[in-house]
Amino acid sequence: MAYSELTAHRLRDAIGARTGVTEKKMFGGIAFLLDGKMFVGVVGEDAMVRVGKEAHEDALAQPGVRPMDFTGRPMAGYVYVASAQLADPAVAARWVDRAVSFVQTIKK
């Protein structure tokens, strides 16, 4: 399955020139990693955003968000955000910032 270059572009713009960010093709899509930890990505048309288990329910309450169920089972701490939601650069930046904030709390 191909991934949306438009969604990837929107995420790249929101990520900007952050240091420590790499891109890796994964799961038939693309993932963005911060210091080796996946924080956002693109699967199909949607963005995958890592928010953490504590923020999972709050994230699901946001417009255009649904559980990430890549394997057929929802994954706590990860959500899909509809590409259309990322058309607003401020919204895309908020999702990226949220994911970055979470992965920065993870110890290696």
C-alpha atoms as a PDB file:
ATOM      1  CA  MET A   1       0.000   0.000   0.000  1.00  0.00           C
ATOM      2  CA  ALA A   2       1.369   3.374  -0.992  1.00  0.00           C
ATOM      3  CA  TYR A   3       1.365   6.227   1.469  1.00  0.00           C
ATOM      4  CA  SER A   4       0.184   9.769   0.871  1.00  0.00           C
ATOM      5  CA  GLU A   5       3.012  12.058  -0.175  1.00  0.00           C
ATOM      6  CA  LEU A   6       0.729  14.996   0.668  1.00  0.00           C
ATOM      7  CA  THR A   7       0.399  13.845   4.280  1.00  0.00           C
ATOM      8  CA  ALA A   8       4.152  13.193   4.444  1.00  0.00           C
ATOM      9  CA  HIS A   9       4.810  16.702   3.108  1.00  0.00           C
ATOM     10  CA  ARG A  10       2.489  18.233   5.710  1.00  0.00           C
ATOM     11  CA  LEU A  11       4.312  16.358   8.480  1.00  0.00           C
ATOM     12  CA  ARG A  12       7.748  17.319   7.114  1.00  0.00           C
ATOM     13  CA  ASP A  13       6.695  20.978   7.104  1.00  0.00           C
ATOM     14  CA  ALA A  14       5.458  20.679  10.700  1.00  0.00           C
ATOM     15  CA  ILE A  15       8.630  18.914  11.809  1.00  0.00           C
ATOM     16  CA  GLY A  16      10.779  21.618  10.266  1.00  0.00           C
ATOM     17  CA  ALA A  17      14.486  21.647  11.034  1.00  0.00           C
ATOM     18  CA  ARG A  18      14.362  19.706  14.313  1.00  0.00           C
ATOM     19  CA  THR A  19      17.597  17.947  15.073  1.00  0.00           C
ATOM     20  CA  GLY A  20      17.684  14.214  15.606  1.00  0.00           C
ATOM     21  CA  VAL A  21      14.825  13.461  13.181  1.00  0.00           C
ATOM     22  CA  THR A  22      15.184  10.712  10.605  1.00  0.00           C
ATOM     23  CA  GLU A  23      12.786   9.144   8.116  1.00  0.00           C
ATOM     24  CA  LYS A  24      12.370   5.424   7.640  1.00  0.00           C
ATOM     25  CA  LYS A  25      10.081   3.444   5.365  1.00  0.00           C
ATOM     26  CA  MET A  26       8.050   1.134   7.586  1.00  0.00           C
ATOM     27  CA  PHE A  27       4.730  -0.734   7.505  1.00  0.00           C
ATOM     28  CA  GLY A  28       4.154   0.177   3.859  1.00  0.00           C
ATOM     29  CA  GLY A  29       4.373   3.836   4.825  1.00  0.00           C
ATOM     30  CA  ILE A  30       6.932   6.194   6.252  1.00  0.00           C
ATOM     31  CA  ALA A  31       7.868   6.869   9.855  1.00  0.00           C
ATOM     32  CA  PHE A  32       9.608   9.856  11.384  1.00  0.00           C
ATOM     33  CA  LEU A  33      11.884   9.064  14.294  1.00  0.00           C
ATOM     34  CA  LEU A  34      13.333  11.386  16.909  1.00  0.00           C
ATOM     35  CA  ASP A  35      16.605  10.040  18.255  1.00  0.00           C
ATOM     36  CA  GLY A  36      15.550   6.605  17.015  1.00  0.00           C
ATOM     37  CA  LYS A  37      12.027   6.694  18.512  1.00  0.00           C
ATOM     38  CA  MET A  38       9.045   6.762  16.164  1.00  0.00           C
ATOM     39  CA  PHE A  39       6.787   9.763  16.837  1.00  0.00           C
ATOM     40  CA  VAL A  40       4.724  10.333  13.676  1.00  0.00           C
ATOM     41  CA  GLY A  41       4.282   8.637  10.347  1.00  0.00           C
ATOM     42  CA  VAL A  42       2.050   8.106   7.367  1.00  0.00           C
ATOM     43  CA  VAL A  43      -0.018   4.990   6.723  1.00  0.00           C
ATOM     44  CA  GLY A  44      -2.195   5.240   3.632  1.00  0.00           C
ATOM     45  CA  GLU A  45      -3.724   8.720   3.660  1.00  0.00           C
ATOM     46  CA  ASP A  46      -3.574   9.288   7.403  1.00  0.00           C
ATOM     47  CA  ALA A  47      -0.956  10.390   9.873  1.00  0.00           C
ATOM     48  CA  MET A  48      -0.012   8.049  12.678  1.00  0.00           C
ATOM     49  CA  VAL A  49       0.703  10.022  15.845  1.00  0.00           C
ATOM     50  CA  ARG A  50       2.270   8.614  18.999  1.00  0.00           C
ATOM     51  CA  VAL A  51       0.612  10.312  21.958  1.00  0.00           C
ATOM     52  CA  GLY A  52       1.217   7.845  24.794  1.00  0.00           C
ATOM     53  CA  LYS A  53      -1.290   5.839  26.788  1.00  0.00           C
ATOM     54  CA  GLU A  54      -2.123   8.630  29.248  1.00  0.00           C
ATOM     55  CA  ALA A  55      -3.101  11.045  26.459  1.00  0.00           C
ATOM     56  CA  HIS A  56      -4.815   8.438  24.265  1.00  0.00           C
ATOM     57  CA  GLU A  57      -8.444   9.184  25.211  1.00  0.00           C
ATOM     58  CA  ASP A  58      -7.936  12.943  24.950  1.00  0.00           C
ATOM     59  CA  ALA A  59      -6.416  12.521  21.490  1.00  0.00           C
ATOM     60  CA  LEU A  60      -9.369  10.393  20.366  1.00  0.00           C
ATOM     61  CA  ALA A  61     -11.736  13.218  21.323  1.00  0.00           C
ATOM     62  CA  GLN A  62     -10.129  15.543  18.744  1.00  0.00           C
ATOM     63  CA  PRO A  63     -11.643  16.082  15.267  1.00  0.00           C
ATOM     64  CA  GLY A  64     -10.592  13.620  12.587  1.00  0.00           C
ATOM     65  CA  VAL A  65      -8.916  11.216  15.010  1.00  0.00           C
ATOM     66  CA  ARG A  66      -9.547   7.502  15.349  1.00  0.00           C
ATOM     67  CA  PRO A  67      -7.773   4.602  17.049  1.00  0.00           C
ATOM     68  CA  MET A  68      -4.711   3.227  15.310  1.00  0.00           C
ATOM     69  CA  ASP A  69      -5.628  -0.328  14.449  1.00  0.00           C
ATOM     70  CA  PHE A  70      -2.879  -1.229  12.009  1.00  0.00           C
ATOM     71  CA  THR A  71      -2.900  -4.900  13.043  1.00  0.00           C
ATOM     72  CA  GLY A  72      -6.676  -5.116  13.486  1.00  0.00           C
ATOM     73  CA  ARG A  73      -6.391  -4.378  17.210  1.00  0.00           C
ATOM     74  CA  PRO A  74      -6.284  -0.805  18.519  1.00  0.00           C
ATOM     75  CA  MET A  75      -2.872   0.217  19.827  1.00  0.00           C
ATOM     76  CA  ALA A  76      -3.066   2.288  23.008  1.00  0.00           C
ATOM     77  CA  GLY A  77      -0.922   5.373  22.769  1.00  0.00           C
ATOM     78  CA  TYR A  78      -1.159   5.711  18.992  1.00  0.00           C
ATOM     79  CA  VAL A  79      -3.864   7.370  16.898  1.00  0.00           C
ATOM     80  CA  TYR A  80      -4.609   8.047  13.268  1.00  0.00           C
ATOM     81  CA  VAL A  81      -5.236  11.668  12.319  1.00  0.00           C
ATOM     82  CA  ALA A  82      -7.056  12.254   9.035  1.00  0.00           C
ATOM     83  CA  SER A  83      -4.912  13.967   6.438  1.00  0.00           C
ATOM     84  CA  ALA A  84      -7.518  16.716   5.980  1.00  0.00           C
ATOM     85  CA  GLN A  85      -6.946  17.790   9.598  1.00  0.00           C
ATOM     86  CA  LEU A  86      -3.289  18.471   8.773  1.00  0.00           C
ATOM     87  CA  ALA A  87      -4.130  20.898   5.968  1.00  0.00           C
ATOM     88  CA  ASP A  88      -3.946  23.654   8.581  1.00  0.00           C
ATOM     89  CA  PRO A  89      -0.224  24.029   9.346  1.00  0.00           C
ATOM     90  CA  ALA A  90      -0.973  25.083  12.937  1.00  0.00           C
ATOM     91  CA  VAL A  91      -2.936  21.880  13.529  1.00  0.00           C
ATOM     92  CA  ALA A  92      -0.206  19.755  11.945  1.00  0.00           C
ATOM     93  CA  ALA A  93       2.379  21.475  14.160  1.00  0.00           C
ATOM     94  CA  ARG A  94       0.304  20.779  17.279  1.00  0.00           C
ATOM     95  CA  TRP A  95       0.142  17.058  16.484  1.00  0.00           C
ATOM     96  CA  VAL A  96       3.865  16.897  15.770  1.00  0.00           C
ATOM     97  CA  ASP A  97       4.661  18.828  18.948  1.00  0.00           C
ATOM     98  CA  ARG A  98       2.412  16.516  20.947  1.00  0.00           C
ATOM     99  CA  ALA A  99       4.181  13.426  19.597  1.00  0.00           C
ATOM    100  CA  VAL A 100       7.643  14.940  20.123  1.00  0.00           C
ATOM    101  CA  SER A 101       6.761  15.862  23.698  1.00  0.00           C
ATOM    102  CA  PHE A 102       5.698  12.301  24.387  1.00  0.00           C
ATOM    103  CA  VAL A 103       8.720  10.543  22.871  1.00  0.00           C
ATOM    104  CA  GLN A 104      11.060  12.877  24.726  1.00  0.00           C
ATOM    105  CA  THR A 105       9.762  11.292  27.943  1.00  0.00           C
ATOM    106  CA  ILE A 106      10.795   7.793  26.856  1.00  0.00           C
ATOM    107  CA  LYS A 107      14.081   6.574  28.229  1.00  0.00           C
ATOM    108  CA  LYS A 108      16.162   4.413  25.900  1.00  0.00           C
END
